[in-house]
PDB file of N, CA and C in Angstrom:
ATOM      1  N   MET A   1       0.825  -1.019  -0.315  1.00  0.00           N
ATOM      2  CA  MET A   1      -0.085   0.293   0.168  1.00  0.00           C
ATOM      3  C   MET A   1       0.842   1.332  -0.099  1.00  0.00           C
ATOM      4  N   SER A   2       0.804   2.291  -1.036  1.00  0.00           N
ATOM      5  CA  SER A   2       1.528   3.595  -0.966  1.00  0.00           C
ATOM      6  C   SER A   2       1.150   4.373  -0.042  1.00  0.00           C
ATOM      7  N   ALA A   3       1.872   5.053   0.291  1.00  0.00           N
ATOM      8  CA  ALA A   3       1.452   6.448   1.488  1.00  0.00           C
ATOM      9  C   ALA A   3       1.255   7.594   0.114  1.00  0.00           C
ATOM     10  N   VAL A   4      -0.144   7.605   1.339  1.00  0.00           N
ATOM     11  CA  VAL A   4      -0.791   9.304   0.654  1.00  0.00           C
ATOM     12  C   VAL A   4      -0.338  10.167   1.535  1.00  0.00           C
ATOM     13  N   PRO A   5       0.340  11.083   0.317  1.00  0.00           N
ATOM     14  CA  PRO A   5       0.680  12.190   0.668  1.00  0.00           C
ATOM     15  C   PRO A   5      -0.345  13.510   1.483  1.00  0.00           C
ATOM     16  N   ARG A   6       0.470  13.782   2.171  1.00  0.00           N
ATOM     17  CA  ARG A   6      -0.565  15.185   3.336  1.00  0.00           C
ATOM     18  C   ARG A   6      -0.124  16.031   2.604  1.00  0.00           C
ATOM     19  N   LEU A   7      -1.198  17.051   3.011  1.00  0.00           N
ATOM     20  CA  LEU A   7      -1.860  18.448   2.137  1.00  0.00           C
ATOM     21  C   LEU A   7      -1.570  19.395   3.315  1.00  0.00           C
ATOM     22  N   ARG A   8      -0.143  19.680   3.287  1.00  0.00           N
ATOM     23  CA  ARG A   8       0.167  20.933   4.518  1.00  0.00           C
ATOM     24  C   ARG A   8      -0.473  22.518   3.860  1.00  0.00           C
ATOM     25  N   ILE A   9      -1.233  22.468   4.705  1.00  0.00           N
ATOM     26  CA  ILE A   9      -1.418  24.103   4.865  1.00  0.00           C
ATOM     27  C   ILE A   9      -1.353  24.901   5.916  1.00  0.00           C
ATOM     28  N   SER A  10      -0.887  26.150   6.062  1.00  0.00           N
ATOM     29  CA  SER A  10      -0.354  27.335   6.640  1.00  0.00           C
ATOM     30  C   SER A  10      -1.159  28.748   6.525  1.00  0.00           C
ATOM     31  N   ARG A  11      -1.297  29.379   7.793  1.00  0.00           N
ATOM     32  CA  ARG A  11      -1.201  30.778   7.568  1.00  0.00           C
ATOM     33  C   ARG A  11      -0.200  31.106   7.244  1.00  0.00           C
ATOM     34  N   PRO A  12       0.340  32.604   6.480  1.00  0.00           N
ATOM     35  CA  PRO A  12       1.271  33.046   6.082  1.00  0.00           C
ATOM     36  C   PRO A  12       2.164  33.521   6.943  1.00  0.00           C
ATOM     37  N   CYS A  13       3.064  33.425   6.652  1.00  0.00           N
ATOM     38  CA  CYS A  13       4.088  34.322   8.231  1.00  0.00           C
ATOM     39  C   CYS A  13       3.844  35.862   8.139  1.00  0.00           C
ATOM     40  N   TYR A  14       2.801  36.765   8.941  1.00  0.00           N
ATOM     41  CA  TYR A  14       2.578  37.697   9.605  1.00  0.00           C
ATOM     42  C   TYR A  14       4.217  38.497   8.824  1.00  0.00           C
ATOM     43  N   ASP A  15       5.100  38.380   9.362  1.00  0.00           N
ATOM     44  CA  ASP A  15       5.962  39.380   9.901  1.00  0.00           C
ATOM     45  C   ASP A  15       6.505  39.358   8.221  1.00  0.00           C
ATOM     46  N   LYS A  16       7.494  38.333   7.208  1.00  0.00           N
ATOM     47  CA  LYS A  16       7.492  38.908   6.230  1.00  0.00           C
ATOM     48  C   LYS A  16       6.782  37.912   5.624  1.00  0.00           C
ATOM     49  N   VAL A  17       6.027  38.648   4.985  1.00  0.00           N
ATOM     50  CA  VAL A  17       4.575  37.678   4.411  1.00  0.00           C
ATOM     51  C   VAL A  17       5.582  37.106   2.790  1.00  0.00           C
ATOM     52  N   ARG A  18       6.433  36.928   2.379  1.00  0.00           N
ATOM     53  CA  ARG A  18       7.163  36.300   1.102  1.00  0.00           C
ATOM     54  C   ARG A  18       7.691  34.962   1.775  1.00  0.00           C
ATOM     55  N   ARG A  19       8.210  34.628   2.862  1.00  0.00           N
ATOM     56  CA  ARG A  19       9.067  33.951   3.346  1.00  0.00           C
ATOM     57  C   ARG A  19       7.580  32.522   3.564  1.00  0.00           C
ATOM     58  N   CYS A  20       8.373  31.393   3.199  1.00  0.00           N
ATOM     59  CA  CYS A  20       7.624  30.268   3.384  1.00  0.00           C
ATOM     60  C   CYS A  20       7.383  30.169   5.071  1.00  0.00           C
ATOM     61  N   PRO A  21       6.080  29.433   5.453  1.00  0.00           N
ATOM     62  CA  PRO A  21       5.413  29.528   6.479  1.00  0.00           C
ATOM     63  C   PRO A  21       5.975  27.815   7.344  1.00  0.00           C
ATOM     64  N   GLY A  22       6.676  27.182   6.200  1.00  0.00           N
ATOM     65  CA  GLY A  22       6.911  26.057   6.320  1.00  0.00           C
ATOM     66  C   GLY A  22       8.901  25.958   7.120  1.00  0.00           C
ATOM     67  N   TRP A  23       9.483  26.940   6.689  1.00  0.00           N
ATOM     68  CA  TRP A  23      10.540  27.946   6.704  1.00  0.00           C
ATOM     69  C   TRP A  23      10.615  28.499   7.826  1.00  0.00           C
ATOM     70  N   ALA A  24       9.336  30.039   8.534  1.00  0.00           N
ATOM     71  CA  ALA A  24       9.601  31.127   9.214  1.00  0.00           C
ATOM     72  C   ALA A  24       8.628  30.781  10.198  1.00  0.00           C
ATOM     73  N   GLY A  25       7.507  30.016   9.773  1.00  0.00           N
ATOM     74  CA  GLY A  25       6.391  29.693  11.030  1.00  0.00           C
ATOM     75  C   GLY A  25       5.427  30.475  10.411  1.00  0.00           C
ATOM     76  N   GLY A  26       3.821  29.967  10.507  1.00  0.00           N
ATOM     77  CA  GLY A  26       2.992  30.349  10.301  1.00  0.00           C
ATOM     78  C   GLY A  26       2.423  31.546  11.246  1.00  0.00           C
ATOM     79  N   GLY A  27       1.759  32.409  10.664  1.00  0.00           N
ATOM     80  CA  GLY A  27       1.356  33.331  11.420  1.00  0.00           C
ATOM     81  C   GLY A  27       2.148  34.395  12.598  1.00  0.00           C
ATOM     82  N   THR A  28       2.626  34.149  13.729  1.00  0.00           N
ATOM     83  CA  THR A  28       3.109  34.776  14.693  1.00  0.00           C
ATOM     84  C   THR A  28       4.167  34.169  15.405  1.00  0.00           C
ATOM     85  N   ARG A  29       3.598  32.661  15.212  1.00  0.00           N
ATOM     86  CA  ARG A  29       4.526  31.730  15.536  1.00  0.00           C
ATOM     87  C   ARG A  29       5.748  30.807  14.946  1.00  0.00           C
ATOM     88  N   TYR A  30       6.925  30.612  15.472  1.00  0.00           N
ATOM     89  CA  TYR A  30       7.511  30.065  14.365  1.00  0.00           C
ATOM     90  C   TYR A  30       7.548  28.604  13.836  1.00  0.00           C
ATOM     91  N   ALA A  31       8.724  28.323  13.254  1.00  0.00           N
ATOM     92  CA  ALA A  31       8.491  26.914  12.703  1.00  0.00           C
ATOM     93  C   ALA A  31       8.597  25.748  13.609  1.00  0.00           C
ATOM     94  N   LYS A  32       8.079  25.077  14.064  1.00  0.00           N
ATOM     95  CA  LYS A  32       8.248  23.908  15.301  1.00  0.00           C
ATOM     96  C   LYS A  32       9.355  22.504  14.658  1.00  0.00           C
ATOM     97  N   ARG A  33       9.877  22.411  12.982  1.00  0.00           N
ATOM     98  CA  ARG A  33      10.544  21.493  12.507  1.00  0.00           C
ATOM     99  C   ARG A  33      11.085  22.344  11.409  1.00  0.00           C
ATOM    100  N   ASP A  34      11.954  21.849  10.783  1.00  0.00           N
ATOM    101  CA  ASP A  34      13.191  22.544   9.444  1.00  0.00           C
ATOM    102  C   ASP A  34      11.994  21.700   8.561  1.00  0.00           C
ATOM    103  N   ARG A  35      11.279  21.981   7.906  1.00  0.00           N
ATOM    104  CA  ARG A  35      10.652  21.489   6.977  1.00  0.00           C
ATOM    105  C   ARG A  35      11.023  22.167   5.325  1.00  0.00           C
ATOM    106  N   CYS A  36      11.283  23.230   5.567  1.00  0.00           N
ATOM    107  CA  CYS A  36      11.751  23.683   4.196  1.00  0.00           C
ATOM    108  C   CYS A  36      13.371  24.816   4.734  1.00  0.00           C
ATOM    109  N   ASP A  37      13.914  24.682   3.524  1.00  0.00           N
ATOM    110  CA  ASP A  37      15.184  25.278   3.926  1.00  0.00           C
ATOM    111  C   ASP A  37      14.662  26.862   2.835  1.00  0.00           C
ATOM    112  N   ASN A  38      14.931  27.603   3.329  1.00  0.00           N
ATOM    113  CA  ASN A  38      15.295  29.274   3.199  1.00  0.00           C
ATOM    114  C   ASN A  38      13.963  29.171   2.002  1.00  0.00           C
ATOM    115  N   GLY A  39      12.952  28.703   1.906  1.00  0.00           N
ATOM    116  CA  GLY A  39      11.784  28.550   1.136  1.00  0.00           C
ATOM    117  C   GLY A  39      10.844  29.792   1.216  1.00  0.00           C
ATOM    118  N   SER A  40      10.476  30.507  -0.214  1.00  0.00           N
ATOM    119  CA  SER A  40       9.821  31.383  -0.620  1.00  0.00           C
ATOM    120  C   SER A  40       8.246  31.611  -1.526  1.00  0.00           C
ATOM    121  N   LEU A  41       7.478  32.254  -1.243  1.00  0.00           N
ATOM    122  CA  LEU A  41       7.016  32.510  -2.233  1.00  0.00           C
ATOM    123  C   LEU A  41       6.947  33.026  -3.192  1.00  0.00           C
ATOM    124  N   PRO A  42       6.128  32.661  -4.630  1.00  0.00           N
ATOM    125  CA  PRO A  42       6.434  33.139  -5.945  1.00  0.00           C
ATOM    126  C   PRO A  42       6.597  34.799  -5.962  1.00  0.00           C
ATOM    127  N   TRP A  43       7.661  35.563  -6.159  1.00  0.00           N
ATOM    128  CA  TRP A  43       7.473  37.236  -6.475  1.00  0.00           C
ATOM    129  C   TRP A  43       6.793  37.607  -7.085  1.00  0.00           C
ATOM    130  N   GLU A  44       5.740  36.725  -8.403  1.00  0.00           N
ATOM    131  CA  GLU A  44       5.382  37.292  -9.227  1.00  0.00           C
ATOM    132  C   GLU A  44       4.081  37.263  -8.714  1.00  0.00           C
ATOM    133  N   MET A  45       3.686  36.562  -7.329  1.00  0.00           N
ATOM    134  CA  MET A  45       2.238  36.833  -6.932  1.00  0.00           C
ATOM    135  C   MET A  45       1.874  38.140  -6.792  1.00  0.00           C
ATOM    136  N   PHE A  46       2.902  38.799  -6.098  1.00  0.00           N
ATOM    137  CA  PHE A  46       3.009  40.199  -5.047  1.00  0.00           C
ATOM    138  C   PHE A  46       2.507  41.352  -6.137  1.00  0.00           C
ATOM    139  N   GLU A  47       2.713  41.063  -7.350  1.00  0.00           N
ATOM    140  CA  GLU A  47       2.308  41.605  -8.471  1.00  0.00           C
ATOM    141  C   GLU A  47       0.749  42.210  -8.949  1.00  0.00           C
ATOM    142  N   LYS A  48       0.197  41.182  -8.536  1.00  0.00           N
ATOM    143  CA  LYS A  48      -0.936  40.795  -8.913  1.00  0.00           C
ATOM    144  C   LYS A  48      -1.901  41.482  -8.189  1.00  0.00           C
ATOM    145  N   ARG A  49      -3.216  42.083  -8.989  1.00  0.00           N
ATOM    146  CA  ARG A  49      -3.994  42.891  -8.054  1.00  0.00           C
ATOM    147  C   ARG A  49      -4.407  41.673  -6.818  1.00  0.00           C
ATOM    148  N   LEU A  50      -4.786  42.379  -5.817  1.00  0.00           N
ATOM    149  CA  LEU A  50      -5.517  41.641  -4.883  1.00  0.00           C
ATOM    150  C   LEU A  50      -4.891  40.398  -3.921  1.00  0.00           C
ATOM    151  N   TRP A  51      -3.199  41.056  -4.179  1.00  0.00           N
ATOM    152  CA  TRP A  51      -2.470  40.048  -3.678  1.00  0.00           C
ATOM    153  C   TRP A  51      -2.501  39.515  -2.558  1.00  0.00           C
ATOM    154  N   LYS A  52      -3.551  40.100  -1.322  1.00  0.00           N
ATOM    155  CA  LYS A  52      -3.511  39.760  -0.267  1.00  0.00           C
ATOM    156  C   LYS A  52      -4.767  38.682  -0.016  1.00  0.00           C
ATOM    157  N   TRP A  53      -5.379  37.998  -1.101  1.00  0.00           N
ATOM    158  CA  TRP A  53      -6.674  37.816  -1.258  1.00  0.00           C
ATOM    159  C   TRP A  53      -6.266  36.501  -1.836  1.00  0.00           C
ATOM    160  N   ARG A  54      -5.010  36.316  -2.653  1.00  0.00           N
ATOM    161  CA  ARG A  54      -4.768  34.796  -2.803  1.00  0.00           C
ATOM    162  C   ARG A  54      -4.215  33.734  -2.230  1.00  0.00           C
ATOM    163  N   PHE A  55      -4.734  32.515  -2.435  1.00  0.00           N
ATOM    164  CA  PHE A  55      -4.251  31.433  -2.134  1.00  0.00           C
ATOM    165  C   PHE A  55      -2.510  31.262  -3.337  1.00  0.00           C
ATOM    166  N   ASN A  56      -1.874  30.363  -1.847  1.00  0.00           N
ATOM    167  CA  ASN A  56      -0.099  30.655  -2.782  1.00  0.00           C
ATOM    168  C   ASN A  56       0.126  28.919  -2.343  1.00  0.00           C
ATOM    169  N   ARG A  57       1.491  29.156  -3.122  1.00  0.00           N
ATOM    170  CA  ARG A  57       2.234  27.810  -2.891  1.00  0.00           C
ATOM    171  C   ARG A  57       3.642  27.966  -2.940  1.00  0.00           C
ATOM    172  N   CYS A  58       4.482  27.501  -1.708  1.00  0.00           N
ATOM    173  CA  CYS A  58       5.883  27.766  -1.681  1.00  0.00           C
ATOM    174  C   CYS A  58       6.450  26.901  -2.744  1.00  0.00           C
ATOM    175  N   THR A  59       7.910  27.839  -3.473  1.00  0.00           N
ATOM    176  CA  THR A  59       8.257  26.929  -4.147  1.00  0.00           C
ATOM    177  C   THR A  59       8.889  25.627  -3.844  1.00  0.00           C
ATOM    178  N   THR A  60       9.661  25.731  -2.764  1.00  0.00           N
ATOM    179  CA  THR A  60      10.787  25.025  -2.255  1.00  0.00           C
ATOM    180  C   THR A  60       9.741  23.934  -1.663  1.00  0.00           C
ATOM    181  N   CYS A  61       9.153  23.883  -0.954  1.00  0.00           N
ATOM    182  CA  CYS A  61       8.608  22.553   0.176  1.00  0.00           C
ATOM    183  C   CYS A  61       7.177  22.135  -0.265  1.00  0.00           C
ATOM    184  N   GLY A  62       6.411  23.429  -1.184  1.00  0.00           N
ATOM    185  CA  GLY A  62       5.216  23.232  -1.854  1.00  0.00           C
ATOM    186  C   GLY A  62       3.926  22.879  -0.861  1.00  0.00           C
ATOM    187  N   VAL A  63       4.596  23.822   0.419  1.00  0.00           N
ATOM    188  CA  VAL A  63       3.168  23.964   1.530  1.00  0.00           C
ATOM    189  C   VAL A  63       2.281  24.841   0.800  1.00  0.00           C
ATOM    190  N   PHE A  64       1.129  24.375   1.206  1.00  0.00           N
ATOM    191  CA  PHE A  64      -0.626  25.545   0.742  1.00  0.00           C
ATOM    192  C   PHE A  64      -0.279  26.446   1.784  1.00  0.00           C
ATOM    193  N   VAL A  65      -0.574  27.772   0.579  1.00  0.00           N
ATOM    194  CA  VAL A  65      -0.603  28.777   1.923  1.00  0.00           C
ATOM    195  C   VAL A  65      -1.941  29.552   1.430  1.00  0.00           C
ATOM    196  N   LEU A  66      -2.341  30.131   3.186  1.00  0.00           N
ATOM    197  CA  LEU A  66      -3.725  31.020   3.273  1.00  0.00           C
ATOM    198  C   LEU A  66      -3.724  31.838   2.795  1.00  0.00           C
ATOM    199  N   PRO A  67      -4.349  33.069   2.027  1.00  0.00           N
ATOM    200  CA  PRO A  67      -4.611  34.192   1.684  1.00  0.00           C
ATOM    201  C   PRO A  67      -4.010  35.240   2.918  1.00  0.00           C
ATOM    202  N   TYR A  68      -3.341  36.313   2.948  1.00  0.00           N
ATOM    203  CA  TYR A  68      -2.656  37.195   3.787  1.00  0.00           C
ATOM    204  C   TYR A  68      -4.061  37.467   4.347  1.00  0.00           C
ATOM    205  N   MET A  69      -4.890  37.747   4.443  1.00  0.00           N
ATOM    206  CA  MET A  69      -5.878  38.594   4.874  1.00  0.00           C
ATOM    207  C   MET A  69      -6.670  37.967   5.719  1.00  0.00           C
ATOM    208  N   VAL A  70      -6.396  36.371   6.068  1.00  0.00           N
ATOM    209  CA  VAL A  70      -6.652  35.415   6.950  1.00  0.00           C
ATOM    210  C   VAL A  70      -6.389  36.160   8.540  1.00  0.00           C
ATOM    211  N   ARG A  71      -5.165  36.836   8.727  1.00  0.00           N
ATOM    212  CA  ARG A  71      -4.729  37.302   9.692  1.00  0.00           C
ATOM    213  C   ARG A  71      -5.951  38.079  10.421  1.00  0.00           C
ATOM    214  N   TRP A  72      -6.978  38.839  10.085  1.00  0.00           N
ATOM    215  CA  TRP A  72      -7.826  39.539  10.693  1.00  0.00           C
ATOM    216  C   TRP A  72      -8.536  38.711  11.123  1.00  0.00           C
ATOM    217  N   LEU A  73      -8.711  37.623  10.850  1.00  0.00           N
ATOM    218  CA  LEU A  73      -9.399  36.350  11.403  1.00  0.00           C
ATOM    219  C   LEU A  73      -8.835  35.935  12.910  1.00  0.00           C
ATOM    220  N   ASP A  74      -7.371  35.565  12.503  1.00  0.00           N
ATOM    221  CA  ASP A  74      -6.196  35.266  14.053  1.00  0.00           C
ATOM    222  C   ASP A  74      -6.436  35.802  15.309  1.00  0.00           C
ATOM    223  N   TRP A  75      -7.226  35.229  16.148  1.00  0.00           N
ATOM    224  CA  TRP A  75      -6.909  36.017  17.588  1.00  0.00           C
ATOM    225  C   TRP A  75      -5.275  36.440  18.060  1.00  0.00           C
ATOM    226  N   ARG A  76      -4.500  35.138  17.565  1.00  0.00           N
ATOM    227  CA  ARG A  76      -3.240  36.007  18.204  1.00  0.00           C
ATOM    228  C   ARG A  76      -2.558  36.924  17.205  1.00  0.00           C
ATOM    229  N   PHE A  77      -3.362  37.484  16.290  1.00  0.00           N
ATOM    230  CA  PHE A  77      -2.581  38.732  15.669  1.00  0.00           C
ATOM    231  C   PHE A  77      -3.131  39.745  16.014  1.00  0.00           C
ATOM    232  N   TRP A  78      -5.001  40.164  16.498  1.00  0.00           N
ATOM    233  CA  TRP A  78      -4.741  40.900  17.483  1.00  0.00           C
ATOM    234  C   TRP A  78      -4.910  40.844  18.949  1.00  0.00           C
ATOM    235  N   GLY A  79      -4.198  39.770  19.764  1.00  0.00           N
ATOM    236  CA  GLY A  79      -3.200  40.084  20.708  1.00  0.00           C
ATOM    237  C   GLY A  79      -1.750  40.727  20.294  1.00  0.00           C
ATOM    238  N   TRP A  80      -1.478  40.522  19.489  1.00  0.00           N
ATOM    239  CA  TRP A  80      -0.172  41.091  18.986  1.00  0.00           C
ATOM    240  C   TRP A  80       0.009  42.304  18.896  1.00  0.00           C
ATOM    241  N   LYS A  81      -1.142  43.281  18.080  1.00  0.00           N
ATOM    242  CA  LYS A  81      -1.597  44.351  18.216  1.00  0.00           C
ATOM    243  C   LYS A  81      -2.174  45.096  19.007  1.00  0.00           C
ATOM    244  N   LEU A  82      -3.058  44.021  20.177  1.00  0.00           N
ATOM    245  CA  LEU A  82      -3.085  44.602  20.964  1.00  0.00           C
ATOM    246  C   LEU A  82      -1.812  45.445  21.902  1.00  0.00           C
ATOM    247  N   ASP A  83      -0.277  44.376  22.305  1.00  0.00           N
ATOM    248  CA  ASP A  83       0.538  44.709  22.967  1.00  0.00           C
ATOM    249  C   ASP A  83       1.304  46.000  22.046  1.00  0.00           C
ATOM    250  N   ASP A  84       1.216  45.696  20.655  1.00  0.00           N
ATOM    251  CA  ASP A  84       1.285  47.319  20.158  1.00  0.00           C
ATOM    252  C   ASP A  84       1.451  48.530  20.247  1.00  0.00           C
ATOM    253  N   VAL A  85      -0.421  48.602  20.718  1.00  0.00           N
ATOM    254  CA  VAL A  85      -1.393  49.678  21.422  1.00  0.00           C
ATOM    255  C   VAL A  85      -0.772  50.047  22.619  1.00  0.00           C
ATOM    256  N   LYS A  86      -0.676  48.965  23.532  1.00  0.00           N
ATOM    257  CA  LYS A  86       0.156  49.101  24.308  1.00  0.00           C
ATOM    258  C   LYS A  86       0.882  49.928  25.046  1.00  0.00           C
ATOM    259  N   ALA A  87       2.224  49.318  24.524  1.00  0.00           N
ATOM    260  CA  ALA A  87       3.538  50.412  24.490  1.00  0.00           C
ATOM    261  C   ALA A  87       3.362  51.451  23.622  1.00  0.00           C
ATOM    262  N   TRP A  88       2.361  51.367  22.772  1.00  0.00           N
ATOM    263  CA  TRP A  88       2.190  52.978  22.142  1.00  0.00           C
ATOM    264  C   TRP A  88       1.627  54.034  23.070  1.00  0.00           C
ATOM    265  N   LEU A  89       0.149  53.504  24.080  1.00  0.00           N
ATOM    266  CA  LEU A  89       0.357  54.244  24.867  1.00  0.00           C
ATOM    267  C   LEU A  89       1.214  54.602  26.334  1.00  0.00           C
ATOM    268  N   ARG A  90       1.993  53.609  26.618  1.00  0.00           N
ATOM    269  CA  ARG A  90       2.519  53.518  27.521  1.00  0.00           C
ATOM    270  C   ARG A  90       3.931  54.674  27.708  1.00  0.00           C
ATOM    271  N   GLU A  91       4.355  54.682  25.899  1.00  0.00           N
ATOM    272  CA  GLU A  91       5.105  55.617  25.343  1.00  0.00           C
ATOM    273  C   GLU A  91       4.992  56.916  25.399  1.00  0.00           C
ATOM    274  N   ARG A  92       3.497  57.024  25.162  1.00  0.00           N
ATOM    275  CA  ARG A  92       2.883  58.348  25.048  1.00  0.00           C
ATOM    276  C   ARG A  92       2.791  58.991  26.540  1.00  0.00           C
ATOM    277  N   ALA A  93       2.696  57.993  27.363  1.00  0.00           N
ATOM    278  CA  ALA A  93       1.805  58.719  28.900  1.00  0.00           C
ATOM    279  C   ALA A  93       3.243  59.144  29.507  1.00  0.00           C
ATOM    280  N   SER A  94       4.533  59.125  28.945  1.00  0.00           N
ATOM    281  CA  SER A  94       5.614  59.366  30.244  1.00  0.00           C
ATOM    282  C   SER A  94       6.251  60.334  29.484  1.00  0.00           C
TER     283      SER A  94
END
């Protein structure tokens, strides 16, 4: 019996969207395993209209990457933004 390949799906890297999430980690997290060696998403994608709404695939490891706009549905992203706002308010108060 042959092994069925698993389809790996990931959120994009929020920090540097061109990096492969298999290498840099999806969302605000780091990659737990070294599955991709310095991978990236195709540069041509970022020249298209509405690129933040498009699905993509890493050129090195083939991980399927969700659109960049999924970050607005991620509670970790909102926590990250809230930390930024708190730091800005503290800086402004001093």
